[in-house]
Amino acid sequence: VWCGAVECCKQAMLLLRALGFPEGMMPLRGLEECGLVRETGFVWMRQKAPYEHYFRGTGTRVRYDVEVTAFVEEGRMKRMTGVRSKQLMLWVPIVEMSLDGADRGYFKSNVGIGRSFPASAFADETAAAAAFLKDADAAAAAAEKEAAATATAVTANE
């Protein structure tokens, strides 16, 4: 179990990479908690509020509920909950994500209809996730430096 937006984002990216998916396929930045039960492949991601994201590379709007769950195995996330894609004027639940060949991601709805997109369509989101983590690491380093300076100043005044 991991807590905090930065650590959860790192773990989610590591999981996606380990499964073979582009890291930007699940662009959740406001996570409070995430976890993986290795024995069963069950994963969960919990965030403060639902999040809606527009994937420019696919022209698709996706809504992530407060809790997103799935069972994972290499190249596949199945029995997903908490993810919906806007198709025409309806929000359609996405129940499975899998790799369709070496360079395509396939998304299946609860009625069995699916769409596939090239992995390159998620490049913007992968870059955004990397930038988010870089900014978070820089902010953490600055906060540590400030805390150390404050501690030094307090010690010097005593």
C-alpha atoms as a PDB file:
ATOM      1  CA  VAL A   1       0.000   0.000   0.000  1.00  0.00           C
ATOM      2  CA  TRP A   2       1.351   3.429  -0.945  1.00  0.00           C
ATOM      3  CA  CYS A   3       0.034   6.820   0.097  1.00  0.00           C
ATOM      4  CA  GLY A   4       0.382  10.315  -1.332  1.00  0.00           C
ATOM      5  CA  ALA A   5       0.018  11.678  -4.853  1.00  0.00           C
ATOM      6  CA  VAL A   6       3.688  11.542  -5.780  1.00  0.00           C
ATOM      7  CA  GLU A   7       4.407   8.033  -4.479  1.00  0.00           C
ATOM      8  CA  CYS A   8       1.161   6.662  -5.955  1.00  0.00           C
ATOM      9  CA  CYS A   9       1.913   8.262  -9.329  1.00  0.00           C
ATOM     10  CA  LYS A  10       5.384   6.672  -9.295  1.00  0.00           C
ATOM     11  CA  GLN A  11       3.950   3.263  -8.391  1.00  0.00           C
ATOM     12  CA  ALA A  12       1.188   3.508 -11.012  1.00  0.00           C
ATOM     13  CA  MET A  13       3.764   4.353 -13.693  1.00  0.00           C
ATOM     14  CA  LEU A  14       5.967   1.445 -12.574  1.00  0.00           C
ATOM     15  CA  LEU A  15       2.991  -0.922 -12.699  1.00  0.00           C
ATOM     16  CA  LEU A  16       1.940   0.222 -16.175  1.00  0.00           C
ATOM     17  CA  ARG A  17       5.525  -0.146 -17.410  1.00  0.00           C
ATOM     18  CA  ALA A  18       5.800  -3.641 -15.871  1.00  0.00           C
ATOM     19  CA  LEU A  19       2.565  -4.680 -17.593  1.00  0.00           C
ATOM     20  CA  GLY A  20       3.822  -3.320 -20.933  1.00  0.00           C
ATOM     21  CA  PHE A  21       1.465  -0.332 -21.181  1.00  0.00           C
ATOM     22  CA  PRO A  22       2.459   3.259 -21.968  1.00  0.00           C
ATOM     23  CA  GLU A  23       2.917   5.086 -18.647  1.00  0.00           C
ATOM     24  CA  GLY A  24       0.429   7.794 -19.615  1.00  0.00           C
ATOM     25  CA  MET A  25      -2.531   5.451 -20.050  1.00  0.00           C
ATOM     26  CA  MET A  26      -3.832   6.146 -16.523  1.00  0.00           C
ATOM     27  CA  PRO A  27      -3.106   9.859 -15.891  1.00  0.00           C
ATOM     28  CA  LEU A  28      -4.139  10.021 -12.239  1.00  0.00           C
ATOM     29  CA  ARG A  29      -2.194  12.698 -10.341  1.00  0.00           C
ATOM     30  CA  GLY A  30      -4.400  13.291  -7.289  1.00  0.00           C
ATOM     31  CA  LEU A  31      -4.163   9.827  -5.790  1.00  0.00           C
ATOM     32  CA  GLU A  32      -4.322   9.439  -2.021  1.00  0.00           C
ATOM     33  CA  GLU A  33      -3.716   5.694  -1.876  1.00  0.00           C
ATOM     34  CA  CYS A  34      -2.904   2.800  -4.163  1.00  0.00           C
ATOM     35  CA  GLY A  35      -2.015  -0.805  -3.667  1.00  0.00           C
ATOM     36  CA  LEU A  36      -1.330  -4.166  -5.220  1.00  0.00           C
ATOM     37  CA  VAL A  37      -2.091  -7.640  -3.911  1.00  0.00           C
ATOM     38  CA  ARG A  38       0.595  -9.623  -5.734  1.00  0.00           C
ATOM     39  CA  GLU A  39      -0.984 -13.043  -5.055  1.00  0.00           C
ATOM     40  CA  THR A  40      -4.212 -12.181  -6.904  1.00  0.00           C
ATOM     41  CA  GLY A  41      -3.128  -9.289  -9.146  1.00  0.00           C
ATOM     42  CA  PHE A  42      -5.732  -6.998  -7.566  1.00  0.00           C
ATOM     43  CA  VAL A  43      -4.860  -3.296  -7.736  1.00  0.00           C
ATOM     44  CA  TRP A  44      -6.686  -0.238  -6.478  1.00  0.00           C
ATOM     45  CA  MET A  45      -6.189   3.493  -6.781  1.00  0.00           C
ATOM     46  CA  ARG A  46      -8.108   5.898  -4.574  1.00  0.00           C
ATOM     47  CA  GLN A  47      -8.295   9.654  -5.143  1.00  0.00           C
ATOM     48  CA  LYS A  48     -10.009  12.559  -3.359  1.00  0.00           C
ATOM     49  CA  ALA A  49     -12.543  13.248  -6.091  1.00  0.00           C
ATOM     50  CA  PRO A  50     -13.500  11.888  -9.509  1.00  0.00           C
ATOM     51  CA  TYR A  51     -11.215  13.052 -12.296  1.00  0.00           C
ATOM     52  CA  GLU A  52     -12.026  13.632 -15.946  1.00  0.00           C
ATOM     53  CA  HIS A  53      -9.245  13.607 -18.539  1.00  0.00           C
ATOM     54  CA  TYR A  54      -9.159  14.376 -22.253  1.00  0.00           C
ATOM     55  CA  PHE A  55      -6.653  12.311 -24.222  1.00  0.00           C
ATOM     56  CA  ARG A  56      -5.629  14.537 -27.122  1.00  0.00           C
ATOM     57  CA  GLY A  57      -3.907  11.669 -28.939  1.00  0.00           C
ATOM     58  CA  THR A  58      -7.106   9.609 -29.103  1.00  0.00           C
ATOM     59  CA  GLY A  59      -9.716  12.367 -28.985  1.00  0.00           C
ATOM     60  CA  THR A  60     -11.324  10.577 -26.041  1.00  0.00           C
ATOM     61  CA  ARG A  61     -12.661  11.876 -22.739  1.00  0.00           C
ATOM     62  CA  VAL A  62     -12.287   9.471 -19.793  1.00  0.00           C
ATOM     63  CA  ARG A  63     -13.727   9.731 -16.283  1.00  0.00           C
ATOM     64  CA  TYR A  64     -12.016   8.098 -13.310  1.00  0.00           C
ATOM     65  CA  ASP A  65     -14.149   7.559 -10.209  1.00  0.00           C
ATOM     66  CA  VAL A  66     -12.879   8.068  -6.654  1.00  0.00           C
ATOM     67  CA  GLU A  67     -11.799   4.430  -6.685  1.00  0.00           C
ATOM     68  CA  VAL A  68     -10.426   2.549  -9.682  1.00  0.00           C
ATOM     69  CA  THR A  69      -9.816  -1.197  -9.367  1.00  0.00           C
ATOM     70  CA  ALA A  70      -8.641  -4.004 -11.634  1.00  0.00           C
ATOM     71  CA  PHE A  71      -7.012  -7.393 -11.753  1.00  0.00           C
ATOM     72  CA  VAL A  72      -3.722  -7.224 -13.623  1.00  0.00           C
ATOM     73  CA  GLU A  73      -1.474  -9.607 -15.498  1.00  0.00           C
ATOM     74  CA  GLU A  74       1.177  -8.973 -18.107  1.00  0.00           C
ATOM     75  CA  GLY A  75      -0.318  -7.004 -20.984  1.00  0.00           C
ATOM     76  CA  ARG A  76      -3.816  -6.858 -19.466  1.00  0.00           C
ATOM     77  CA  MET A  77      -6.013  -5.154 -16.879  1.00  0.00           C
ATOM     78  CA  LYS A  78      -9.353  -6.935 -16.497  1.00  0.00           C
ATOM     79  CA  ARG A  79     -12.503  -6.661 -14.380  1.00  0.00           C
ATOM     80  CA  MET A  80     -11.854  -2.916 -14.158  1.00  0.00           C
ATOM     81  CA  THR A  81     -14.182  -0.665 -12.191  1.00  0.00           C
ATOM     82  CA  GLY A  82     -14.294   3.107 -11.914  1.00  0.00           C
ATOM     83  CA  VAL A  83     -13.251   3.978 -15.491  1.00  0.00           C
ATOM     84  CA  ARG A  84     -15.684   5.306 -18.090  1.00  0.00           C
ATOM     85  CA  SER A  85     -15.175   6.691 -21.578  1.00  0.00           C
ATOM     86  CA  LYS A  86     -17.477   9.155 -23.286  1.00  0.00           C
ATOM     87  CA  GLN A  87     -18.699   7.713 -26.569  1.00  0.00           C
ATOM     88  CA  LEU A  88     -21.037   9.974 -28.506  1.00  0.00           C
ATOM     89  CA  MET A  89     -23.195  11.245 -25.641  1.00  0.00           C
ATOM     90  CA  LEU A  90     -22.949   8.269 -23.281  1.00  0.00           C
ATOM     91  CA  TRP A  91     -20.452   7.371 -20.561  1.00  0.00           C
ATOM     92  CA  VAL A  92     -19.476   3.750 -21.254  1.00  0.00           C
ATOM     93  CA  PRO A  93     -17.730   1.671 -18.545  1.00  0.00           C
ATOM     94  CA  ILE A  94     -14.311   0.378 -19.558  1.00  0.00           C
ATOM     95  CA  VAL A  95     -13.856  -3.119 -18.117  1.00  0.00           C
ATOM     96  CA  GLU A  96     -10.626  -4.209 -19.763  1.00  0.00           C
ATOM     97  CA  MET A  97      -7.402  -2.756 -21.130  1.00  0.00           C
ATOM     98  CA  SER A  98      -5.012  -4.964 -23.046  1.00  0.00           C
ATOM     99  CA  LEU A  99      -2.161  -4.803 -25.491  1.00  0.00           C
ATOM    100  CA  ASP A 100      -3.252  -5.348 -29.070  1.00  0.00           C
ATOM    101  CA  GLY A 101       0.060  -6.205 -30.693  1.00  0.00           C
ATOM    102  CA  ALA A 102       3.336  -4.605 -29.724  1.00  0.00           C
ATOM    103  CA  ASP A 103       2.309  -1.000 -30.184  1.00  0.00           C
ATOM    104  CA  ARG A 104      -1.446  -0.687 -29.623  1.00  0.00           C
ATOM    105  CA  GLY A 105      -3.691  -0.511 -26.577  1.00  0.00           C
ATOM    106  CA  TYR A 106      -7.161  -2.048 -26.712  1.00  0.00           C
ATOM    107  CA  PHE A 107     -10.022  -0.838 -24.485  1.00  0.00           C
ATOM    108  CA  LYS A 108     -13.118  -3.005 -24.036  1.00  0.00           C
ATOM    109  CA  SER A 109     -16.499  -1.833 -22.741  1.00  0.00           C
ATOM    110  CA  ASN A 110     -18.933  -3.799 -20.606  1.00  0.00           C
ATOM    111  CA  VAL A 111     -21.002  -4.623 -23.697  1.00  0.00           C
ATOM    112  CA  GLY A 112     -18.018  -6.203 -25.454  1.00  0.00           C
ATOM    113  CA  ILE A 113     -17.352  -3.390 -27.891  1.00  0.00           C
ATOM    114  CA  GLY A 114     -13.841  -2.009 -27.921  1.00  0.00           C
ATOM    115  CA  ARG A 115     -11.423   0.378 -29.565  1.00  0.00           C
ATOM    116  CA  SER A 116      -7.697   0.271 -30.026  1.00  0.00           C
ATOM    117  CA  PHE A 117      -5.225   3.136 -30.229  1.00  0.00           C
ATOM    118  CA  PRO A 118      -1.525   3.312 -31.031  1.00  0.00           C
ATOM    119  CA  ALA A 119       0.724   3.519 -27.971  1.00  0.00           C
ATOM    120  CA  SER A 120       2.112   6.763 -29.416  1.00  0.00           C
ATOM    121  CA  ALA A 121      -1.305   8.380 -28.781  1.00  0.00           C
ATOM    122  CA  PHE A 122      -0.423   8.409 -25.065  1.00  0.00           C
ATOM    123  CA  ALA A 123       2.968  10.109 -25.465  1.00  0.00           C
ATOM    124  CA  ASP A 124       1.652  13.495 -24.237  1.00  0.00           C
ATOM    125  CA  GLU A 125       0.305  11.911 -21.045  1.00  0.00           C
ATOM    126  CA  THR A 126       3.553   9.981 -20.471  1.00  0.00           C
ATOM    127  CA  ALA A 127       5.531  13.215 -20.795  1.00  0.00           C
ATOM    128  CA  ALA A 128       3.089  15.019 -18.466  1.00  0.00           C
ATOM    129  CA  ALA A 129       3.450  12.275 -15.832  1.00  0.00           C
ATOM    130  CA  ALA A 130       7.246  12.510 -16.032  1.00  0.00           C
ATOM    131  CA  ALA A 131       7.045  16.309 -15.677  1.00  0.00           C
ATOM    132  CA  PHE A 132       4.703  15.963 -12.679  1.00  0.00           C
ATOM    133  CA  LEU A 133       7.167  13.649 -10.936  1.00  0.00           C
ATOM    134  CA  LYS A 134      10.146  15.857 -11.790  1.00  0.00           C
ATOM    135  CA  ASP A 135       8.360  18.938 -10.375  1.00  0.00           C
ATOM    136  CA  ALA A 136       7.321  16.995  -7.266  1.00  0.00           C
ATOM    137  CA  ASP A 137      10.883  15.778  -6.697  1.00  0.00           C
ATOM    138  CA  ALA A 138      12.226  19.327  -7.123  1.00  0.00           C
ATOM    139  CA  ALA A 139       9.647  20.682  -4.652  1.00  0.00           C
ATOM    140  CA  ALA A 140      10.523  17.939  -2.140  1.00  0.00           C
ATOM    141  CA  ALA A 141      14.252  18.710  -2.486  1.00  0.00           C
ATOM    142  CA  ALA A 142      13.592  22.432  -1.982  1.00  0.00           C
ATOM    143  CA  ALA A 143      11.457  21.700   1.094  1.00  0.00           C
ATOM    144  CA  GLU A 144      14.212  19.487   2.563  1.00  0.00           C
ATOM    145  CA  LYS A 145      16.805  22.180   1.918  1.00  0.00           C
ATOM    146  CA  GLU A 146      14.596  24.811   3.571  1.00  0.00           C
ATOM    147  CA  ALA A 147      13.942  22.537   6.565  1.00  0.00           C
ATOM    148  CA  ALA A 148      17.678  21.915   6.955  1.00  0.00           C
ATOM    149  CA  ALA A 149      18.390  25.658   6.770  1.00  0.00           C
ATOM    150  CA  THR A 150      15.697  26.353   9.372  1.00  0.00           C
ATOM    151  CA  ALA A 151      17.088  23.651  11.670  1.00  0.00           C
ATOM    152  CA  THR A 152      20.588  25.103  11.302  1.00  0.00           C
ATOM    153  CA  ALA A 153      19.309  28.602  12.080  1.00  0.00           C
ATOM    154  CA  VAL A 154      17.421  27.378  15.161  1.00  0.00           C
ATOM    155  CA  THR A 155      20.500  25.512  16.400  1.00  0.00           C
ATOM    156  CA  ALA A 156      22.694  28.593  15.851  1.00  0.00           C
ATOM    157  CA  ASN A 157      20.287  30.791  17.862  1.00  0.00           C
ATOM    158  CA  GLU A 158      20.290  28.447  20.851  1.00  0.00           C
END
